Protein backbone atom coordinates (compact mmCIF):
# COMPACT_ATOMS: atom_id res chain seq x y z
CA UNK A 1 20.29 22.88 16.83
CA UNK A 2 19.80 19.27 17.82
CA UNK A 3 18.22 16.60 15.68
CA UNK A 4 15.84 14.05 17.12
CA UNK A 5 16.13 10.28 16.81
CA UNK A 6 12.81 10.30 14.96
CA UNK A 7 14.13 12.83 12.45
CA UNK A 8 17.31 10.80 11.89
CA UNK A 9 15.29 7.64 11.31
CA UNK A 10 12.56 9.08 9.12
CA UNK A 11 14.81 11.21 6.92
CA UNK A 12 17.32 8.41 6.43
CA UNK A 13 14.95 5.50 6.01
CA UNK A 14 12.25 7.09 3.86
CA UNK A 15 14.71 8.78 1.52
CA UNK A 16 16.83 5.69 0.97
CA UNK A 17 13.86 3.33 0.69
CA UNK A 18 12.53 5.58 -2.07
CA UNK A 19 15.94 5.31 -3.73
CA UNK A 20 15.87 1.52 -3.40
CA UNK A 21 12.41 1.43 -4.93
CA UNK A 22 13.69 3.49 -7.85
CA UNK A 23 16.68 1.17 -8.35
CA UNK A 24 14.41 -1.88 -8.38
CA UNK A 25 12.12 -0.22 -10.97
CA UNK A 26 15.14 0.43 -13.16
CA UNK A 27 16.26 -3.20 -12.74
CA UNK A 28 12.84 -4.58 -13.61
CA UNK A 29 12.68 -2.44 -16.74
CA UNK A 30 16.21 -3.48 -17.69
CA UNK A 31 15.37 -7.17 -17.25
CA UNK A 32 12.37 -6.76 -19.58
CA UNK A 33 14.41 -4.79 -22.11
CA UNK A 34 17.19 -7.39 -22.14
CA UNK A 35 14.70 -10.30 -22.01
CA UNK A 36 16.19 -11.59 -18.75
CA UNK A 37 14.00 -13.54 -16.37
CA UNK A 38 13.58 -11.20 -13.34
CA UNK A 39 14.40 -14.16 -11.08
CA UNK A 40 17.96 -13.93 -12.37
CA UNK A 41 18.36 -10.48 -10.82
CA UNK A 42 16.40 -11.37 -7.67
CA UNK A 43 18.68 -14.32 -6.97
CA UNK A 44 21.90 -12.59 -8.06
CA UNK A 45 24.71 -12.00 -5.60
CA UNK A 46 28.18 -10.49 -5.84
CA UNK A 47 29.96 -13.39 -4.14
CA UNK A 48 28.87 -16.95 -3.38
CA UNK A 49 28.78 -16.36 0.37
CA UNK A 50 26.65 -13.20 0.16
CA UNK A 51 22.88 -12.97 0.28
CA UNK A 52 21.07 -12.45 -3.04
CA UNK A 53 19.29 -9.27 -4.07
CA UNK A 54 15.87 -10.19 -2.67
CA UNK A 55 17.37 -10.99 0.74
CA UNK A 56 19.30 -7.68 0.74
CA UNK A 57 16.00 -5.83 0.31
CA UNK A 58 14.36 -7.91 3.04
CA UNK A 59 17.21 -7.26 5.47
CA UNK A 60 17.24 -3.52 4.71
CA UNK A 61 13.52 -3.25 5.44
CA UNK A 62 13.95 -5.42 8.54
CA UNK A 63 16.53 -2.92 9.82
CA UNK A 64 13.96 -0.17 9.38
CA UNK A 65 11.19 -1.80 11.39
CA UNK A 66 13.54 -3.44 13.87
CA UNK A 67 15.50 -0.33 14.69
CA UNK A 68 12.47 1.86 15.32
CA UNK A 69 10.94 -0.71 17.63
CA UNK A 70 14.22 -1.45 19.44
CA UNK A 71 14.76 2.24 20.16
CA UNK A 72 11.15 2.52 21.36
CA UNK A 73 11.44 -0.66 23.42
CA UNK A 74 8.45 -2.21 21.65
CA UNK A 75 7.93 -5.44 19.75
CA UNK A 76 8.57 -5.23 16.00
CA UNK A 77 6.02 -6.82 13.68
CA UNK A 78 7.02 -10.08 12.00
CA UNK A 79 7.20 -10.00 8.22
CA UNK A 80 7.58 -13.15 6.16
CA UNK A 81 10.62 -13.13 3.92
CA UNK A 82 8.84 -14.68 0.96
CA UNK A 83 9.06 -12.04 -1.77
CA UNK A 84 9.79 -13.60 -5.14
CA UNK A 85 9.15 -10.75 -7.57
CA UNK A 86 10.00 -7.10 -8.04
CA UNK A 87 6.34 -6.25 -7.33
CA UNK A 88 6.45 -8.07 -3.99
CA UNK A 89 9.69 -6.33 -3.04
CA UNK A 90 8.10 -2.98 -3.95
CA UNK A 91 5.16 -3.83 -1.66
CA UNK A 92 7.58 -4.61 1.15
CA UNK A 93 9.40 -1.32 0.65
CA UNK A 94 6.06 0.55 0.64
CA UNK A 95 5.09 -1.23 3.87
CA UNK A 96 8.40 -0.16 5.46
CA UNK A 97 7.93 3.45 4.33
CA UNK A 98 4.41 3.47 5.77
CA UNK A 99 5.70 2.04 9.06
CA UNK A 100 8.30 4.82 9.32
CA UNK A 101 5.86 7.59 8.43
CA UNK A 102 3.26 6.32 10.91
CA UNK A 103 5.70 5.59 13.75
CA UNK A 104 4.97 7.99 16.62
CA UNK A 105 7.86 10.36 17.25
CA UNK A 106 7.18 10.37 20.97
CA UNK A 107 8.00 6.66 21.18
CA UNK A 108 11.63 7.22 20.22
CA UNK A 109 12.42 10.86 20.93
CA UNK A 110 13.85 11.14 24.41
CA UNK A 111 15.00 7.51 24.39
CA UNK A 112 18.61 8.34 23.51
CA UNK A 113 20.06 6.75 26.66
CA UNK A 114 17.75 3.73 26.82
CA UNK A 115 19.75 0.48 26.66
CA UNK A 116 19.48 -1.60 23.49
CA UNK A 117 20.91 -5.11 23.48
CA UNK A 118 21.30 -7.28 20.40
CA UNK A 119 21.72 -10.99 21.07
CA UNK A 120 23.59 -13.24 18.68
CA UNK A 121 24.75 -16.87 18.84
CA UNK A 122 28.25 -15.60 19.60
CA UNK A 123 27.26 -13.05 22.25
CA UNK A 124 25.68 -9.67 22.79
CA UNK A 125 26.15 -6.11 21.64
CA UNK A 126 25.05 -3.38 24.05
CA UNK A 127 24.30 0.19 23.06
CA UNK A 128 22.44 3.27 24.10
CA UNK A 129 19.47 3.79 21.78
CA UNK A 130 21.20 6.73 20.12
CA UNK A 131 24.44 4.83 19.55
CA UNK A 132 22.49 1.84 18.27
CA UNK A 133 20.47 3.87 15.77
CA UNK A 134 23.27 6.13 14.53
CA UNK A 135 26.24 3.79 14.82
CA UNK A 136 24.77 0.37 14.07
CA UNK A 137 21.26 0.31 12.55
CA UNK A 138 21.68 3.10 9.99
CA UNK A 139 25.11 1.86 8.78
CA UNK A 140 23.73 -1.69 8.44
CA UNK A 141 20.73 -0.35 6.55
CA UNK A 142 23.05 1.50 4.14
CA UNK A 143 25.18 -1.62 3.73
CA UNK A 144 22.23 -3.66 2.47
CA UNK A 145 20.85 -0.85 0.28
CA UNK A 146 24.32 -0.39 -1.25
CA UNK A 147 24.79 -4.12 -1.72
CA UNK A 148 21.43 -4.34 -3.55
CA UNK A 149 22.53 -1.48 -5.82
CA UNK A 150 25.91 -3.13 -6.42
CA UNK A 151 24.38 -6.51 -7.26
CA UNK A 152 22.27 -4.89 -9.95
CA UNK A 153 25.12 -2.74 -11.23
CA UNK A 154 27.36 -5.83 -11.36
CA UNK A 155 24.69 -7.55 -13.46
CA UNK A 156 24.64 -4.82 -16.06
CA UNK A 157 21.75 -2.67 -14.95
CA UNK A 158 22.73 0.85 -16.04
CA UNK A 159 22.60 2.66 -12.72
CA UNK A 160 24.41 5.77 -11.60
CA UNK A 161 24.85 7.57 -8.32
CA UNK A 162 21.66 9.54 -8.90
CA UNK A 163 19.71 6.30 -9.08
CA UNK A 164 20.98 5.31 -5.63
CA UNK A 165 19.26 8.43 -4.30
CA UNK A 166 16.20 7.96 -6.54
CA UNK A 167 17.00 11.00 -8.67
CA UNK A 168 17.55 9.86 -12.18
């Protein structure tokens, strides 16, 4: 049995975005319980040279919309990175979930061999669409979801592995 690019994307992105939403709900409740200004968590980072929590969520959701559109060869919508509250981050996650659920399967299925090029200041990375999605976009998405979880865990939010998957 083969699995389609659309199935890989939707199952991965929707499931993990739901988990991220759950983790953020737990963090918001923990901030209220501990009488911590939510901005403390939203601006928290593990190391000085890392992005803070809010930016991790923004980048994770950017990977979702960007990867689907890159594989399809279409232009991704532009989203402002201006979320400053847990509620605004939840709205962004919901928007990303809706984008995934509404994205037409026929735009990415069958595009496995289509070239995808990422341009950076230092050069380019070239992939097939399948290699890009499976070997670059999904791992980067997981990196930012995991980093968001770790920032909150590091700041004392009582999270466990089940929370990461939205199951606790």
